Amino acid sequence: MRRPTRTDPKVAELTRIFQTLLRARGRGATLRQAATAAGLHVATVCRWQRADPRLRKMLADAAESAQRLRRQLPPERPMVRWRRDCPQCRVKVVVRTTRGGARFWRCGRWP
């Protein structure tokens, strides 16, 4: 039996599938979403990972790099001059905190 070469259509197709998987994982997709993007079932990708530790490591590295990008701090927000009253309706300003911990101020009449 001959060994497959780079010009072999099966090798080219597998290379395209692996690149699609890695690109999707690098963008932050789950393994299931990456498999769907490559046209595979997630069980197939899991089976391939079990059989090939290099593929498992490459997919894990791509997912980790996407996670690092998500964790980066957002750019600094510009400072805004503080006011005690709303510039439009003159109602007292209320300071609130988002679930992420960012503080902002708003008009007291705003819902």
PDB file of N, CA and C in Angstrom:
ATOM      1  N   MET A   1       0.847  -1.178   0.000  1.00  0.00           N
ATOM      2  CA  MET A   1       0.000   0.000   0.000  1.00  0.00           C
ATOM      3  C   MET A   1       0.890   1.238   0.000  1.00  0.00           C
ATOM      4  N   ARG A   2       0.558   2.177  -0.835  1.00  0.00           N
ATOM      5  CA  ARG A   2       1.395   3.374  -0.932  1.00  0.00           C
ATOM      6  C   ARG A   2       1.043   4.368   0.161  1.00  0.00           C
ATOM      7  N   ARG A   3       2.007   5.174   0.461  1.00  0.00           N
ATOM      8  CA  ARG A   3       1.833   6.186   1.489  1.00  0.00           C
ATOM      9  C   ARG A   3       1.188   7.432   0.880  1.00  0.00           C
ATOM     10  N   PRO A   4       0.212   8.094   1.575  1.00  0.00           N
ATOM     11  CA  PRO A   4      -0.432   9.282   0.991  1.00  0.00           C
ATOM     12  C   PRO A   4       0.552  10.445   0.887  1.00  0.00           C
ATOM     13  N   THR A   5       0.397  11.216  -0.158  1.00  0.00           N
ATOM     14  CA  THR A   5       1.243  12.396  -0.361  1.00  0.00           C
ATOM     15  C   THR A   5       0.405  13.642  -0.151  1.00  0.00           C
ATOM     16  N   ARG A   6       1.071  14.777  -0.163  1.00  0.00           N
ATOM     17  CA  ARG A   6       0.360  16.038   0.045  1.00  0.00           C
ATOM     18  C   ARG A   6      -0.630  16.330  -1.083  1.00  0.00           C
ATOM     19  N   THR A   7      -0.397  15.783  -2.246  1.00  0.00           N
ATOM     20  CA  THR A   7      -1.299  16.033  -3.364  1.00  0.00           C
ATOM     21  C   THR A   7      -2.487  15.077  -3.351  1.00  0.00           C
ATOM     22  N   ASP A   8      -2.475  14.112  -2.452  1.00  0.00           N
ATOM     23  CA  ASP A   8      -3.575  13.167  -2.326  1.00  0.00           C
ATOM     24  C   ASP A   8      -4.831  13.939  -1.900  1.00  0.00           C
ATOM     25  N   PRO A   9      -5.977  13.769  -2.579  1.00  0.00           N
ATOM     26  CA  PRO A   9      -7.190  14.517  -2.228  1.00  0.00           C
ATOM     27  C   PRO A   9      -7.656  14.288  -0.796  1.00  0.00           C
ATOM     28  N   LYS A  10      -7.465  13.068  -0.266  1.00  0.00           N
ATOM     29  CA  LYS A  10      -7.889  12.799   1.109  1.00  0.00           C
ATOM     30  C   LYS A  10      -7.066  13.610   2.099  1.00  0.00           C
ATOM     31  N   VAL A  11      -5.765  13.720   1.849  1.00  0.00           N
ATOM     32  CA  VAL A  11      -4.891  14.493   2.737  1.00  0.00           C
ATOM     33  C   VAL A  11      -5.260  15.969   2.654  1.00  0.00           C
ATOM     34  N   ALA A  12      -5.532  16.447   1.461  1.00  0.00           N
ATOM     35  CA  ALA A  12      -5.915  17.851   1.292  1.00  0.00           C
ATOM     36  C   ALA A  12      -7.224  18.146   2.019  1.00  0.00           C
ATOM     37  N   GLU A  13      -8.173  17.226   1.952  1.00  0.00           N
ATOM     38  CA  GLU A  13      -9.454  17.411   2.630  1.00  0.00           C
ATOM     39  C   GLU A  13      -9.281  17.398   4.150  1.00  0.00           C
ATOM     40  N   LEU A  14      -8.484  16.480   4.673  1.00  0.00           N
ATOM     41  CA  LEU A  14      -8.226  16.433   6.106  1.00  0.00           C
ATOM     42  C   LEU A  14      -7.499  17.690   6.578  1.00  0.00           C
ATOM     43  N   THR A  15      -6.568  18.177   5.785  1.00  0.00           N
ATOM     44  CA  THR A  15      -5.850  19.401   6.129  1.00  0.00           C
ATOM     45  C   THR A  15      -6.823  20.568   6.216  1.00  0.00           C
ATOM     46  N   ARG A  16      -7.749  20.659   5.263  1.00  0.00           N
ATOM     47  CA  ARG A  16      -8.747  21.729   5.282  1.00  0.00           C
ATOM     48  C   ARG A  16      -9.640  21.608   6.523  1.00  0.00           C
ATOM     49  N   ILE A  17     -10.029  20.387   6.863  1.00  0.00           N
ATOM     50  CA  ILE A  17     -10.879  20.176   8.037  1.00  0.00           C
ATOM     51  C   ILE A  17     -10.150  20.579   9.314  1.00  0.00           C
ATOM     52  N   PHE A  18      -8.884  20.158   9.445  1.00  0.00           N
ATOM     53  CA  PHE A  18      -8.105  20.510  10.642  1.00  0.00           C
ATOM     54  C   PHE A  18      -7.913  22.018  10.750  1.00  0.00           C
ATOM     55  N   GLN A  19      -7.649  22.672   9.639  1.00  0.00           N
ATOM     56  CA  GLN A  19      -7.483  24.137   9.662  1.00  0.00           C
ATOM     57  C   GLN A  19      -8.778  24.818  10.081  1.00  0.00           C
ATOM     58  N   THR A  20      -9.909  24.323   9.592  1.00  0.00           N
ATOM     59  CA  THR A  20     -11.202  24.893   9.973  1.00  0.00           C
ATOM     60  C   THR A  20     -11.456  24.696  11.462  1.00  0.00           C
ATOM     61  N   LEU A  21     -11.148  23.507  11.972  1.00  0.00           N
ATOM     62  CA  LEU A  21     -11.322  23.231  13.402  1.00  0.00           C
ATOM     63  C   LEU A  21     -10.463  24.178  14.251  1.00  0.00           C
ATOM     64  N   LEU A  22      -9.196  24.298  13.888  1.00  0.00           N
ATOM     65  CA  LEU A  22      -8.278  25.139  14.661  1.00  0.00           C
ATOM     66  C   LEU A  22      -8.660  26.611  14.583  1.00  0.00           C
ATOM     67  N   ARG A  23      -9.081  27.052  13.416  1.00  0.00           N
ATOM     68  CA  ARG A  23      -9.480  28.457  13.257  1.00  0.00           C
ATOM     69  C   ARG A  23     -10.713  28.764  14.110  1.00  0.00           C
ATOM     70  N   ALA A  24     -11.679  27.850  14.100  1.00  0.00           N
ATOM     71  CA  ALA A  24     -12.904  28.065  14.887  1.00  0.00           C
ATOM     72  C   ALA A  24     -12.589  28.055  16.381  1.00  0.00           C
ATOM     73  N   ARG A  25     -11.759  27.111  16.840  1.00  0.00           N
ATOM     74  CA  ARG A  25     -11.393  27.064  18.261  1.00  0.00           C
ATOM     75  C   ARG A  25     -10.598  28.306  18.642  1.00  0.00           C
ATOM     76  N   GLY A  26      -9.769  28.794  17.729  1.00  0.00           N
ATOM     77  CA  GLY A  26      -8.985  30.001  17.993  1.00  0.00           C
ATOM     78  C   GLY A  26      -9.840  31.247  18.105  1.00  0.00           C
ATOM     79  N   ARG A  27     -11.027  31.214  17.519  1.00  0.00           N
ATOM     80  CA  ARG A  27     -11.957  32.353  17.604  1.00  0.00           C
ATOM     81  C   ARG A  27     -12.883  32.250  18.810  1.00  0.00           C
ATOM     82  N   GLY A  28     -12.753  31.160  19.577  1.00  0.00           N
ATOM     83  CA  GLY A  28     -13.546  31.036  20.791  1.00  0.00           C
ATOM     84  C   GLY A  28     -14.744  30.115  20.674  1.00  0.00           C
ATOM     85  N   ALA A  29     -14.852  29.368  19.596  1.00  0.00           N
ATOM     86  CA  ALA A  29     -15.977  28.445  19.433  1.00  0.00           C
ATOM     87  C   ALA A  29     -15.788  27.237  20.341  1.00  0.00           C
ATOM     88  N   THR A  30     -16.898  26.657  20.764  1.00  0.00           N
ATOM     89  CA  THR A  30     -16.828  25.415  21.524  1.00  0.00           C
ATOM     90  C   THR A  30     -16.414  24.296  20.575  1.00  0.00           C
ATOM     91  N   LEU A  31     -16.090  23.147  21.142  1.00  0.00           N
ATOM     92  CA  LEU A  31     -15.687  22.020  20.297  1.00  0.00           C
ATOM     93  C   LEU A  31     -16.837  21.605  19.384  1.00  0.00           C
ATOM     94  N   ARG A  32     -18.049  21.643  19.900  1.00  0.00           N
ATOM     95  CA  ARG A  32     -19.225  21.297  19.089  1.00  0.00           C
ATOM     96  C   ARG A  32     -19.403  22.292  17.942  1.00  0.00           C
ATOM     97  N   GLN A  33     -19.252  23.580  18.222  1.00  0.00           N
ATOM     98  CA  GLN A  33     -19.393  24.595  17.176  1.00  0.00           C
ATOM     99  C   GLN A  33     -18.284  24.471  16.135  1.00  0.00           C
ATOM    100  N   ALA A  34     -17.062  24.177  16.592  1.00  0.00           N
ATOM    101  CA  ALA A  34     -15.948  24.013  15.662  1.00  0.00           C
ATOM    102  C   ALA A  34     -16.172  22.799  14.765  1.00  0.00           C
ATOM    103  N   ALA A  35     -16.674  21.715  15.340  1.00  0.00           N
ATOM    104  CA  ALA A  35     -16.951  20.517  14.545  1.00  0.00           C
ATOM    105  C   ALA A  35     -18.018  20.799  13.497  1.00  0.00           C
ATOM    106  N   THR A  36     -19.059  21.527  13.886  1.00  0.00           N
ATOM    107  CA  THR A  36     -20.117  21.880  12.937  1.00  0.00           C
ATOM    108  C   THR A  36     -19.563  22.746  11.819  1.00  0.00           C
ATOM    109  N   ALA A  37     -18.680  23.691  12.162  1.00  0.00           N
ATOM    110  CA  ALA A  37     -18.088  24.554  11.137  1.00  0.00           C
ATOM    111  C   ALA A  37     -17.253  23.749  10.144  1.00  0.00           C
ATOM    112  N   ALA A  38     -16.644  22.659  10.620  1.00  0.00           N
ATOM    113  CA  ALA A  38     -15.827  21.817   9.741  1.00  0.00           C
ATOM    114  C   ALA A  38     -16.653  20.755   9.031  1.00  0.00           C
ATOM    115  N   GLY A  39     -17.954  20.686   9.360  1.00  0.00           N
ATOM    116  CA  GLY A  39     -18.816  19.703   8.708  1.00  0.00           C
ATOM    117  C   GLY A  39     -18.709  18.318   9.329  1.00  0.00           C
ATOM    118  N   LEU A  40     -18.378  18.266  10.614  1.00  0.00           N
ATOM    119  CA  LEU A  40     -18.220  16.992  11.312  1.00  0.00           C
ATOM    120  C   LEU A  40     -19.147  16.914  12.513  1.00  0.00           C
ATOM    121  N   HIS A  41     -19.303  15.717  13.030  1.00  0.00           N
ATOM    122  CA  HIS A  41     -20.012  15.543  14.289  1.00  0.00           C
ATOM    123  C   HIS A  41     -18.982  15.680  15.404  1.00  0.00           C
ATOM    124  N   VAL A  42     -19.408  16.190  16.541  1.00  0.00           N
ATOM    125  CA  VAL A  42     -18.471  16.421  17.641  1.00  0.00           C
ATOM    126  C   VAL A  42     -17.863  15.106  18.137  1.00  0.00           C
ATOM    127  N   ALA A  43     -18.588  14.006  18.039  1.00  0.00           N
ATOM    128  CA  ALA A  43     -18.047  12.717  18.467  1.00  0.00           C
ATOM    129  C   ALA A  43     -16.865  12.307  17.594  1.00  0.00           C
ATOM    130  N   THR A  44     -16.911  12.661  16.318  1.00  0.00           N
ATOM    131  CA  THR A  44     -15.800  12.351  15.423  1.00  0.00           C
ATOM    132  C   THR A  44     -14.548  13.102  15.855  1.00  0.00           C
ATOM    133  N   VAL A  45     -14.720  14.383  16.200  1.00  0.00           N
ATOM    134  CA  VAL A  45     -13.579  15.182  16.641  1.00  0.00           C
ATOM    135  C   VAL A  45     -13.029  14.629  17.953  1.00  0.00           C
ATOM    136  N   CYS A  46     -13.901  14.230  18.870  1.00  0.00           N
ATOM    137  CA  CYS A  46     -13.453  13.643  20.133  1.00  0.00           C
ATOM    138  C   CYS A  46     -12.685  12.349  19.891  1.00  0.00           C
ATOM    139  N   ARG A  47     -13.173  11.540  18.975  1.00  0.00           N
ATOM    140  CA  ARG A  47     -12.485  10.285  18.648  1.00  0.00           C
ATOM    141  C   ARG A  47     -11.112  10.556  18.044  1.00  0.00           C
ATOM    142  N   TRP A  48     -11.033  11.562  17.153  1.00  0.00           N
ATOM    143  CA  TRP A  48      -9.749  11.935  16.548  1.00  0.00           C
ATOM    144  C   TRP A  48      -8.781  12.448  17.611  1.00  0.00           C
ATOM    145  N   GLN A  49      -9.295  13.208  18.572  1.00  0.00           N
ATOM    146  CA  GLN A  49      -8.422  13.724  19.638  1.00  0.00           C
ATOM    147  C   GLN A  49      -7.868  12.580  20.493  1.00  0.00           C
ATOM    148  N   ARG A  50      -8.698  11.598  20.773  1.00  0.00           N
ATOM    149  CA  ARG A  50      -8.241  10.456  21.564  1.00  0.00           C
ATOM    150  C   ARG A  50      -7.155   9.690  20.819  1.00  0.00           C
ATOM    151  N   ALA A  51      -7.293   9.592  19.498  1.00  0.00           N
ATOM    152  CA  ALA A  51      -6.335   8.833  18.698  1.00  0.00           C
ATOM    153  C   ALA A  51      -5.057   9.612  18.415  1.00  0.00           C
ATOM    154  N   ASP A  52      -5.136  10.937  18.378  1.00  0.00           N
ATOM    155  CA  ASP A  52      -3.972  11.750  18.005  1.00  0.00           C
ATOM    156  C   ASP A  52      -3.717  12.828  19.064  1.00  0.00           C
ATOM    157  N   PRO A  53      -2.731  12.615  19.943  1.00  0.00           N
ATOM    158  CA  PRO A  53      -2.456  13.603  20.993  1.00  0.00           C
ATOM    159  C   PRO A  53      -2.016  14.963  20.442  1.00  0.00           C
ATOM    160  N   ARG A  54      -1.400  14.965  19.266  1.00  0.00           N
ATOM    161  CA  ARG A  54      -0.978  16.245  18.676  1.00  0.00           C
ATOM    162  C   ARG A  54      -2.188  17.108  18.318  1.00  0.00           C
ATOM    163  N   LEU A  55      -3.212  16.484  17.745  1.00  0.00           N
ATOM    164  CA  LEU A  55      -4.432  17.216  17.414  1.00  0.00           C
ATOM    165  C   LEU A  55      -5.087  17.741  18.694  1.00  0.00           C
ATOM    166  N   ARG A  56      -5.125  16.912  19.740  1.00  0.00           N
ATOM    167  CA  ARG A  56      -5.695  17.338  21.017  1.00  0.00           C
ATOM    168  C   ARG A  56      -4.955  18.559  21.560  1.00  0.00           C
ATOM    169  N   LYS A  57      -3.616  18.536  21.488  1.00  0.00           N
ATOM    170  CA  LYS A  57      -2.824  19.655  21.996  1.00  0.00           C
ATOM    171  C   LYS A  57      -3.045  20.909  21.157  1.00  0.00           C
ATOM    172  N   MET A  58      -3.107  20.760  19.845  1.00  0.00           N
ATOM    173  CA  MET A  58      -3.317  21.932  18.980  1.00  0.00           C
ATOM    174  C   MET A  58      -4.682  22.566  19.243  1.00  0.00           C
ATOM    175  N   LEU A  59      -5.716  21.751  19.398  1.00  0.00           N
ATOM    176  CA  LEU A  59      -7.044  22.283  19.686  1.00  0.00           C
ATOM    177  C   LEU A  59      -7.094  22.945  21.060  1.00  0.00           C
ATOM    178  N   ALA A  60      -6.415  22.346  22.049  1.00  0.00           N
ATOM    179  CA  ALA A  60      -6.372  22.942  23.386  1.00  0.00           C
ATOM    180  C   ALA A  60      -5.616  24.270  23.369  1.00  0.00           C
ATOM    181  N   ASP A  61      -4.518  24.333  22.622  1.00  0.00           N
ATOM    182  CA  ASP A  61      -3.753  25.583  22.515  1.00  0.00           C
ATOM    183  C   ASP A  61      -4.576  26.677  21.843  1.00  0.00           C
ATOM    184  N   ALA A  62      -5.322  26.309  20.804  1.00  0.00           N
ATOM    185  CA  ALA A  62      -6.160  27.293  20.111  1.00  0.00           C
ATOM    186  C   ALA A  62      -7.250  27.812  21.040  1.00  0.00           C
ATOM    187  N   ALA A  63      -7.854  26.923  21.816  1.00  0.00           N
ATOM    188  CA  ALA A  63      -8.901  27.347  22.754  1.00  0.00           C
ATOM    189  C   ALA A  63      -8.318  28.224  23.851  1.00  0.00           C
ATOM    190  N   GLU A  64      -7.109  27.902  24.311  1.00  0.00           N
ATOM    191  CA  GLU A  64      -6.471  28.704  25.355  1.00  0.00           C
ATOM    192  C   GLU A  64      -6.118  30.099  24.857  1.00  0.00           C
ATOM    193  N   SER A  65      -5.643  30.199  23.619  1.00  0.00           N
ATOM    194  CA  SER A  65      -5.319  31.527  23.082  1.00  0.00           C
ATOM    195  C   SER A  65      -6.576  32.375  22.917  1.00  0.00           C
ATOM    196  N   ALA A  66      -7.689  31.741  22.542  1.00  0.00           N
ATOM    197  CA  ALA A  66      -8.955  32.482  22.435  1.00  0.00           C
ATOM    198  C   ALA A  66      -9.404  32.951  23.811  1.00  0.00           C
ATOM    199  N   GLN A  67      -9.198  32.110  24.822  1.00  0.00           N
ATOM    200  CA  GLN A  67      -9.586  32.476  26.183  1.00  0.00           C
ATOM    201  C   GLN A  67      -8.728  33.626  26.702  1.00  0.00           C
ATOM    202  N   ARG A  68      -7.437  33.601  26.371  1.00  0.00           N
ATOM    203  CA  ARG A  68      -6.553  34.706  26.772  1.00  0.00           C
ATOM    204  C   ARG A  68      -6.994  36.020  26.141  1.00  0.00           C
ATOM    205  N   LEU A  69      -7.408  35.976  24.890  1.00  0.00           N
ATOM    206  CA  LEU A  69      -7.877  37.193  24.217  1.00  0.00           C
ATOM    207  C   LEU A  69      -9.136  37.733  24.873  1.00  0.00           C
ATOM    208  N   ARG A  70     -10.035  36.827  25.286  1.00  0.00           N
ATOM    209  CA  ARG A  70     -11.262  37.266  25.944  1.00  0.00           C
ATOM    210  C   ARG A  70     -10.988  37.890  27.303  1.00  0.00           C
ATOM    211  N   ARG A  71      -9.963  37.388  27.993  1.00  0.00           N
ATOM    212  CA  ARG A  71      -9.663  37.875  29.336  1.00  0.00           C
ATOM    213  C   ARG A  71      -8.963  39.229  29.360  1.00  0.00           C
ATOM    214  N   GLN A  72      -8.441  39.666  28.225  1.00  0.00           N
ATOM    215  CA  GLN A  72      -7.728  40.937  28.204  1.00  0.00           C
ATOM    216  C   GLN A  72      -8.656  42.049  28.656  1.00  0.00           C
ATOM    217  N   LEU A  73      -8.074  42.991  29.351  1.00  0.00           N
ATOM    218  CA  LEU A  73      -8.871  44.098  29.854  1.00  0.00           C
ATOM    219  C   LEU A  73      -9.367  44.972  28.709  1.00  0.00           C
ATOM    220  N   PRO A  74     -10.559  45.496  28.828  1.00  0.00           N
ATOM    221  CA  PRO A  74     -11.063  46.391  27.787  1.00  0.00           C
ATOM    222  C   PRO A  74     -10.251  47.692  27.802  1.00  0.00           C
ATOM    223  N   PRO A  75     -10.278  48.435  26.721  1.00  0.00           N
ATOM    224  CA  PRO A  75      -9.527  49.693  26.696  1.00  0.00           C
ATOM    225  C   PRO A  75     -10.066  50.660  27.745  1.00  0.00           C
ATOM    226  N   GLU A  76      -9.202  51.520  28.201  1.00  0.00           N
ATOM    227  CA  GLU A  76      -9.597  52.503  29.214  1.00  0.00           C
ATOM    228  C   GLU A  76     -10.724  53.378  28.689  1.00  0.00           C
ATOM    229  N   ARG A  77     -11.693  53.606  29.540  1.00  0.00           N
ATOM    230  CA  ARG A  77     -12.793  54.493  29.165  1.00  0.00           C
ATOM    231  C   ARG A  77     -12.385  55.917  29.504  1.00  0.00           C
ATOM    232  N   PRO A  78     -12.792  56.868  28.698  1.00  0.00           N
ATOM    233  CA  PRO A  78     -12.425  58.255  28.984  1.00  0.00           C
ATOM    234  C   PRO A  78     -13.123  58.753  30.245  1.00  0.00           C
ATOM    235  N   MET A  79     -12.449  59.600  30.961  1.00  0.00           N
ATOM    236  CA  MET A  79     -13.037  60.182  32.163  1.00  0.00           C
ATOM    237  C   MET A  79     -14.052  61.245  31.745  1.00  0.00           C
ATOM    238  N   VAL A  80     -15.161  61.262  32.445  1.00  0.00           N
ATOM    239  CA  VAL A  80     -16.218  62.220  32.165  1.00  0.00           C
ATOM    240  C   VAL A  80     -16.356  63.125  33.382  1.00  0.00           C
ATOM    241  N   ARG A  81     -16.537  64.382  33.137  1.00  0.00           N
ATOM    242  CA  ARG A  81     -16.676  65.331  34.231  1.00  0.00           C
ATOM    243  C   ARG A  81     -17.907  64.996  35.065  1.00  0.00           C
ATOM    244  N   TRP A  82     -17.741  64.946  36.376  1.00  0.00           N
ATOM    245  CA  TRP A  82     -18.816  64.574  37.284  1.00  0.00           C
ATOM    246  C   TRP A  82     -19.818  65.707  37.424  1.00  0.00           C
ATOM    247  N   ARG A  83     -21.075  65.333  37.485  1.00  0.00           N
ATOM    248  CA  ARG A  83     -22.155  66.292  37.723  1.00  0.00           C
ATOM    249  C   ARG A  83     -23.056  65.748  38.802  1.00  0.00           C
ATOM    250  N   ARG A  84     -23.608  66.608  39.623  1.00  0.00           N
ATOM    251  CA  ARG A  84     -24.550  66.179  40.658  1.00  0.00           C
ATOM    252  C   ARG A  84     -25.973  66.096  40.123  1.00  0.00           C
ATOM    253  N   ASP A  85     -26.219  66.762  39.021  1.00  0.00           N
ATOM    254  CA  ASP A  85     -27.566  66.747  38.453  1.00  0.00           C
ATOM    255  C   ASP A  85     -27.491  66.406  36.963  1.00  0.00           C
ATOM    256  N   CYS A  86     -28.603  65.906  36.421  1.00  0.00           N
ATOM    257  CA  CYS A  86     -28.679  65.540  35.011  1.00  0.00           C
ATOM    258  C   CYS A  86     -28.582  66.813  34.168  1.00  0.00           C
ATOM    259  N   PRO A  87     -27.763  66.838  33.127  1.00  0.00           N
ATOM    260  CA  PRO A  87     -27.632  68.044  32.316  1.00  0.00           C
ATOM    261  C   PRO A  87     -28.900  68.394  31.536  1.00  0.00           C
ATOM    262  N   GLN A  88     -29.815  67.439  31.345  1.00  0.00           N
ATOM    263  CA  GLN A  88     -31.017  67.711  30.574  1.00  0.00           C
ATOM    264  C   GLN A  88     -32.213  68.089  31.437  1.00  0.00           C
ATOM    265  N   CYS A  89     -32.423  67.343  32.537  1.00  0.00           N
ATOM    266  CA  CYS A  89     -33.647  67.570  33.314  1.00  0.00           C
ATOM    267  C   CYS A  89     -33.374  68.049  34.746  1.00  0.00           C
ATOM    268  N   ARG A  90     -32.135  68.161  35.135  1.00  0.00           N
ATOM    269  CA  ARG A  90     -31.726  68.675  36.449  1.00  0.00           C
ATOM    270  C   ARG A  90     -32.152  67.799  37.626  1.00  0.00           C
ATOM    271  N   VAL A  91     -32.406  66.506  37.390  1.00  0.00           N
ATOM    272  CA  VAL A  91     -32.731  65.573  38.458  1.00  0.00           C
ATOM    273  C   VAL A  91     -31.412  65.036  39.020  1.00  0.00           C
ATOM    274  N   LYS A  92     -31.431  64.599  40.272  1.00  0.00           N
ATOM    275  CA  LYS A  92     -30.234  64.099  40.922  1.00  0.00           C
ATOM    276  C   LYS A  92     -29.660  62.896  40.155  1.00  0.00           C
ATOM    277  N   VAL A  93     -28.336  62.840  40.026  1.00  0.00           N
ATOM    278  CA  VAL A  93     -27.641  61.754  39.333  1.00  0.00           C
ATOM    279  C   VAL A  93     -27.481  60.581  40.293  1.00  0.00           C
ATOM    280  N   VAL A  94     -27.654  59.350  39.772  1.00  0.00           N
ATOM    281  CA  VAL A  94     -27.529  58.136  40.568  1.00  0.00           C
ATOM    282  C   VAL A  94     -26.334  57.340  40.039  1.00  0.00           C
ATOM    283  N   VAL A  95     -25.488  56.849  40.932  1.00  0.00           N
ATOM    284  CA  VAL A  95     -24.336  56.041  40.550  1.00  0.00           C
ATOM    285  C   VAL A  95     -24.721  54.574  40.664  1.00  0.00           C
ATOM    286  N   ARG A  96     -24.478  53.802  39.613  1.00  0.00           N
ATOM    287  CA  ARG A  96     -24.798  52.377  39.586  1.00  0.00           C
ATOM    288  C   ARG A  96     -23.542  51.581  39.249  1.00  0.00           C
ATOM    289  N   THR A  97     -23.603  50.258  39.514  1.00  0.00           N
ATOM    290  CA  THR A  97     -22.499  49.354  39.203  1.00  0.00           C
ATOM    291  C   THR A  97     -23.050  48.191  38.386  1.00  0.00           C
ATOM    292  N   THR A  98     -22.370  47.857  37.289  1.00  0.00           N
ATOM    293  CA  THR A  98     -22.804  46.737  36.455  1.00  0.00           C
ATOM    294  C   THR A  98     -22.410  45.432  37.119  1.00  0.00           C
ATOM    295  N   ARG A  99     -22.892  44.319  36.578  1.00  0.00           N
ATOM    296  CA  ARG A  99     -22.530  43.000  37.112  1.00  0.00           C
ATOM    297  C   ARG A  99     -21.036  42.755  36.975  1.00  0.00           C
ATOM    298  N   GLY A 100     -20.424  43.346  35.963  1.00  0.00           N
ATOM    299  CA  GLY A 100     -18.984  43.193  35.755  1.00  0.00           C
ATOM    300  C   GLY A 100     -18.145  44.086  36.647  1.00  0.00           C
ATOM    301  N   GLY A 101     -18.785  44.980  37.404  1.00  0.00           N
ATOM    302  CA  GLY A 101     -18.056  45.831  38.328  1.00  0.00           C
ATOM    303  C   GLY A 101     -17.786  47.237  37.820  1.00  0.00           C
ATOM    304  N   ALA A 102     -18.193  47.548  36.588  1.00  0.00           N
ATOM    305  CA  ALA A 102     -17.978  48.890  36.052  1.00  0.00           C
ATOM    306  C   ALA A 102     -19.011  49.845  36.661  1.00  0.00           C
ATOM    307  N   ARG A 103     -18.555  51.005  37.054  1.00  0.00           N
ATOM    308  CA  ARG A 103     -19.451  51.993  37.660  1.00  0.00           C
ATOM    309  C   ARG A 103     -19.842  53.018  36.606  1.00  0.00           C
ATOM    310  N   PHE A 104     -21.078  53.483  36.670  1.00  0.00           N
ATOM    311  CA  PHE A 104     -21.548  54.517  35.755  1.00  0.00           C
ATOM    312  C   PHE A 104     -22.587  55.361  36.474  1.00  0.00           C
ATOM    313  N   TRP A 105     -22.800  56.541  35.951  1.00  0.00           N
ATOM    314  CA  TRP A 105     -23.837  57.379  36.551  1.00  0.00           C
ATOM    315  C   TRP A 105     -24.925  57.619  35.524  1.00  0.00           C
ATOM    316  N   ARG A 106     -26.119  57.842  36.042  1.00  0.00           N
ATOM    317  CA  ARG A 106     -27.272  58.009  35.160  1.00  0.00           C
ATOM    318  C   ARG A 106     -28.257  58.970  35.802  1.00  0.00           C
ATOM    319  N   CYS A 107     -29.215  59.412  35.002  1.00  0.00           N
ATOM    320  CA  CYS A 107     -30.261  60.297  35.486  1.00  0.00           C
ATOM    321  C   CYS A 107     -31.157  59.524  36.457  1.00  0.00           C
ATOM    322  N   GLY A 108     -31.635  60.177  37.495  1.00  0.00           N
ATOM    323  CA  GLY A 108     -32.502  59.534  38.465  1.00  0.00           C
ATOM    324  C   GLY A 108     -33.851  59.135  37.879  1.00  0.00           C
ATOM    325  N   ARG A 109     -34.261  59.724  36.776  1.00  0.00           N
ATOM    326  CA  ARG A 109     -35.536  59.386  36.142  1.00  0.00           C
ATOM    327  C   ARG A 109     -35.420  58.219  35.166  1.00  0.00           C
ATOM    328  N   TRP A 110     -34.192  57.850  34.854  1.00  0.00           N
ATOM    329  CA  TRP A 110     -33.985  56.769  33.899  1.00  0.00           C
ATOM    330  C   TRP A 110     -34.378  55.444  34.548  1.00  0.00           C
ATOM    331  N   PRO A 111     -35.120  54.575  33.840  1.00  0.00           N
ATOM    332  CA  PRO A 111     -35.611  53.340  34.492  1.00  0.00           C
ATOM    333  C   PRO A 111     -34.517  52.402  34.907  1.00  0.00           C
TER     334      PRO A 111
END
